[in-house]
Amino acid sequence: YRGIAMGELGRTEDSIIEFTEAVMLNEQDVYSYNNRGLAYSKLEQFQQAIDDYEVILTFEEPPEDELLAAVYKNYGDALYALNRYKDAVENYSKSIELDNNIDQTFNNRGTCLQKQQKYDEAMEDYNSCISLNNENSSCFKNRARVYLKKGDFESSLEDYKRALELDPADTEISDLIANAEKQEEEAKKKKK
């Protein structure tokens, strides 16, 4: 696909043009709709991305499970970007039903659940993410946030430190560790 090549060259607008031409030639081209949706998301045109994912879901012949799982995940990502967490969770859940081996889908759904203050459910998703890929620093960082919300400072710090070990370039983690340590000290002072 020329659209994919354009995207890899950083020419996102040109990739959208290519994918648009492809769907004009074949209105059932799942790959072109999905890739155009990804390109729209890259440009932060999330509603256009959502529109493309919704078109795919109207096809009489649905794509195979693996591709459909990717479509639902990408749809969830666009909804998340628009702060539509409940809708995003629904799409991530559909993706997981079709393919429960994608760690990032669990991480993303966990983040949406966390935004809705559903910490126990979020923790389950982060645990699933880590069991699939124990080198996903984002999962450890997100799980650490939930531990912190629950007042489990030791587990929170442990996860933050693991995230930093996995991604030393993530400068935010050092700040998060300092914040968790500060909250732990304040909690200890309150107990005295």
Protein backbone atom coordinates (compact mmCIF):
# COMPACT_ATOMS: atom_id res chain seq x y z
CA TYR A 1 0.00 0.00 0.00
CA ARG A 2 1.21 3.44 -0.92
CA GLY A 3 -0.76 4.84 2.02
CA ILE A 4 1.31 2.84 4.48
CA ALA A 5 4.54 3.96 2.81
CA MET A 6 3.41 7.59 2.98
CA GLY A 7 2.62 7.20 6.68
CA GLU A 8 6.03 5.65 7.36
CA LEU A 9 7.63 8.65 5.66
CA GLY A 10 5.72 10.97 8.00
CA ARG A 11 3.42 12.13 5.23
CA THR A 12 0.19 11.42 7.11
CA GLU A 13 -2.03 13.70 5.02
CA ASP A 14 -0.80 11.99 1.85
CA SER A 15 -1.46 8.58 3.40
CA ILE A 16 -5.06 9.64 4.05
CA ILE A 17 -5.42 10.59 0.39
CA GLU A 18 -4.06 7.18 -0.66
CA PHE A 19 -6.38 5.29 1.69
CA THR A 20 -9.33 7.39 0.52
CA GLU A 21 -8.57 6.44 -3.09
CA ALA A 22 -8.36 2.79 -2.03
CA VAL A 23 -11.78 2.81 -0.34
CA MET A 24 -13.28 4.55 -3.36
CA LEU A 25 -12.08 1.60 -5.46
CA ASN A 26 -13.25 -0.98 -2.92
CA GLU A 27 -15.83 0.15 -0.38
CA GLN A 28 -15.26 -3.05 1.65
CA ASP A 29 -11.49 -2.53 2.08
CA VAL A 30 -11.13 -3.03 5.83
CA TYR A 31 -7.38 -2.43 5.83
CA SER A 32 -7.69 0.95 4.11
CA TYR A 33 -10.47 2.14 6.43
CA ASN A 34 -8.54 0.94 9.48
CA ASN A 35 -5.26 2.51 8.34
CA ARG A 36 -6.99 5.75 7.38
CA GLY A 37 -8.53 5.77 10.87
CA LEU A 38 -5.07 5.37 12.37
CA ALA A 39 -3.80 8.23 10.21
CA TYR A 40 -6.69 10.46 11.29
CA SER A 41 -5.89 9.61 14.92
CA LYS A 42 -2.25 10.52 14.35
CA LEU A 43 -3.48 13.94 13.21
CA GLU A 44 -5.79 14.09 16.25
CA GLN A 45 -8.84 14.01 13.98
CA PHE A 46 -10.47 11.45 16.22
CA GLN A 47 -14.05 11.79 15.03
CA GLN A 48 -12.98 11.05 11.45
CA ALA A 49 -11.12 7.99 12.76
CA ILE A 50 -14.24 6.87 14.63
CA ASP A 51 -16.29 7.31 11.47
CA ASP A 52 -13.93 4.96 9.60
CA TYR A 53 -14.07 2.31 12.34
CA GLU A 54 -17.86 2.52 12.39
CA VAL A 55 -17.98 1.94 8.62
CA ILE A 56 -16.01 -1.29 9.07
CA LEU A 57 -18.48 -2.48 11.69
CA THR A 58 -21.35 -2.14 9.19
CA PHE A 59 -19.81 -4.54 6.67
CA GLU A 60 -21.95 -7.59 5.93
CA GLU A 61 -18.79 -9.74 5.85
CA PRO A 62 -16.91 -8.87 9.04
CA PRO A 63 -13.12 -9.13 8.94
CA GLU A 64 -11.35 -12.07 10.59
CA ASP A 65 -11.13 -11.93 14.38
CA GLU A 66 -7.54 -10.70 14.59
CA LEU A 67 -8.21 -7.73 12.32
CA LEU A 68 -11.57 -6.98 13.91
CA ALA A 69 -9.87 -7.01 17.33
CA ALA A 70 -7.42 -4.39 16.01
CA VAL A 71 -10.31 -2.29 14.69
CA TYR A 72 -12.07 -2.36 18.07
CA LYS A 73 -8.79 -1.48 19.84
CA ASN A 74 -8.14 1.44 17.49
CA TYR A 75 -11.77 2.56 17.90
CA GLY A 76 -11.28 2.46 21.66
CA ASP A 77 -8.10 4.53 21.35
CA ALA A 78 -9.93 7.25 19.42
CA LEU A 79 -12.78 7.28 21.95
CA TYR A 80 -10.27 7.49 24.79
CA ALA A 81 -8.66 10.51 23.15
CA LEU A 82 -12.09 12.19 23.23
CA ASN A 83 -12.50 11.32 26.94
CA ARG A 84 -15.34 8.91 26.12
CA TYR A 85 -14.04 6.33 28.58
CA LYS A 86 -17.17 4.22 28.95
CA ASP A 87 -17.49 3.82 25.16
CA ALA A 88 -13.76 3.11 24.91
CA VAL A 89 -14.06 0.35 27.54
CA GLU A 90 -16.84 -1.28 25.49
CA ASN A 91 -14.64 -1.34 22.39
CA TYR A 92 -11.56 -2.57 24.24
CA SER A 93 -13.71 -5.33 25.76
CA LYS A 94 -14.89 -6.40 22.30
CA SER A 95 -11.28 -6.42 21.13
CA ILE A 96 -10.25 -8.60 24.08
CA GLU A 97 -13.13 -11.01 23.40
CA LEU A 98 -11.72 -11.53 19.91
CA ASP A 99 -8.02 -11.57 20.84
CA ASN A 100 -6.99 -11.63 24.49
CA ASN A 101 -3.25 -11.72 23.75
CA ILE A 102 -2.65 -8.01 23.15
CA ASP A 103 -1.16 -6.52 26.30
CA GLN A 104 -1.70 -2.92 25.20
CA THR A 105 -5.47 -3.43 24.89
CA PHE A 106 -5.62 -4.49 28.54
CA ASN A 107 -3.44 -1.51 29.48
CA ASN A 108 -5.66 0.92 27.59
CA ARG A 109 -8.89 -0.51 29.01
CA GLY A 110 -7.35 -0.38 32.48
CA THR A 111 -6.54 3.28 31.98
CA CYS A 112 -10.15 4.02 31.00
CA LEU A 113 -11.42 2.11 34.02
CA GLN A 114 -9.00 4.02 36.23
CA LYS A 115 -10.30 7.32 34.81
CA GLN A 116 -13.76 6.14 35.89
CA GLN A 117 -12.38 5.35 39.38
CA LYS A 118 -12.98 1.61 38.90
CA TYR A 119 -9.69 0.74 40.50
CA ASP A 120 -10.23 -2.97 41.13
CA GLU A 121 -11.20 -3.58 37.50
CA ALA A 122 -8.30 -1.45 36.32
CA MET A 123 -5.94 -3.47 38.52
CA GLU A 124 -7.21 -6.71 36.92
CA ASP A 125 -6.46 -5.32 33.46
CA TYR A 126 -2.97 -4.13 34.44
CA ASN A 127 -2.25 -7.55 35.92
CA SER A 128 -3.40 -9.17 32.66
CA CYS A 129 -1.22 -6.76 30.68
CA ILE A 130 1.82 -7.59 32.79
CA SER A 131 1.17 -11.33 32.57
CA LEU A 132 1.19 -11.00 28.78
CA ASN A 133 4.22 -8.71 28.66
CA ASN A 134 6.23 -8.11 31.81
CA GLU A 135 8.34 -5.55 29.98
CA ASN A 136 5.50 -3.09 29.29
CA SER A 137 6.64 -0.14 31.39
CA SER A 138 3.36 1.65 30.84
CA CYS A 139 1.44 -1.17 32.56
CA PHE A 140 3.71 -1.01 35.58
CA LYS A 141 3.41 2.78 35.73
CA ASN A 142 -0.38 2.63 35.48
CA ARG A 143 -0.68 -0.15 38.04
CA ALA A 144 1.53 1.88 40.37
CA ARG A 145 -0.96 4.74 40.11
CA VAL A 146 -3.78 2.42 41.20
CA TYR A 147 -1.72 1.08 44.12
CA LEU A 148 -1.06 4.68 45.13
CA LYS A 149 -4.78 5.54 44.99
CA LYS A 150 -5.43 2.54 47.24
CA GLY A 151 -2.73 3.62 49.70
CA ASP A 152 -0.40 0.69 48.96
CA PHE A 153 2.77 2.76 48.83
CA GLU A 154 5.17 -0.18 48.87
CA SER A 155 3.61 -1.84 45.82
CA SER A 156 3.28 1.51 44.09
CA LEU A 157 6.96 2.32 44.54
CA GLU A 158 7.95 -1.18 43.48
CA ASP A 159 5.99 -0.81 40.22
CA TYR A 160 7.29 2.70 39.55
CA LYS A 161 10.85 1.47 40.02
CA ARG A 162 10.21 -1.46 37.67
CA ALA A 163 8.77 0.96 35.08
CA LEU A 164 11.85 3.16 35.39
CA GLU A 165 14.10 0.12 35.02
CA LEU A 166 12.26 -0.80 31.81
CA ASP A 167 12.15 2.74 30.43
CA PRO A 168 14.93 4.89 31.92
CA ALA A 169 14.23 7.62 29.34
CA ASP A 170 10.76 8.25 30.82
CA THR A 171 11.54 11.29 32.97
CA GLU A 172 8.01 11.41 34.41
CA ILE A 173 8.62 8.24 36.42
CA SER A 174 11.22 9.86 38.69
CA ASP A 175 8.69 12.57 39.55
CA LEU A 176 6.03 9.92 40.21
CA ILE A 177 8.41 8.06 42.54
CA ALA A 178 9.14 11.27 44.45
CA ASN A 179 5.41 12.00 44.71
CA ALA A 180 4.65 8.48 45.97
CA GLU A 181 7.43 8.74 48.57
CA LYS A 182 6.06 12.11 49.69
CA GLN A 183 2.53 10.70 50.02
CA GLU A 184 3.90 7.73 51.98
CA GLU A 185 5.69 10.08 54.41
CA GLU A 186 2.54 12.18 54.85
CA ALA A 187 0.49 9.05 55.54
CA LYS A 188 3.04 7.91 58.16
CA LYS A 189 2.89 11.33 59.86
CA LYS A 190 -0.92 11.15 60.03
CA LYS A 191 -0.74 7.76 61.75
CA LYS A 192 1.47 9.13 64.55
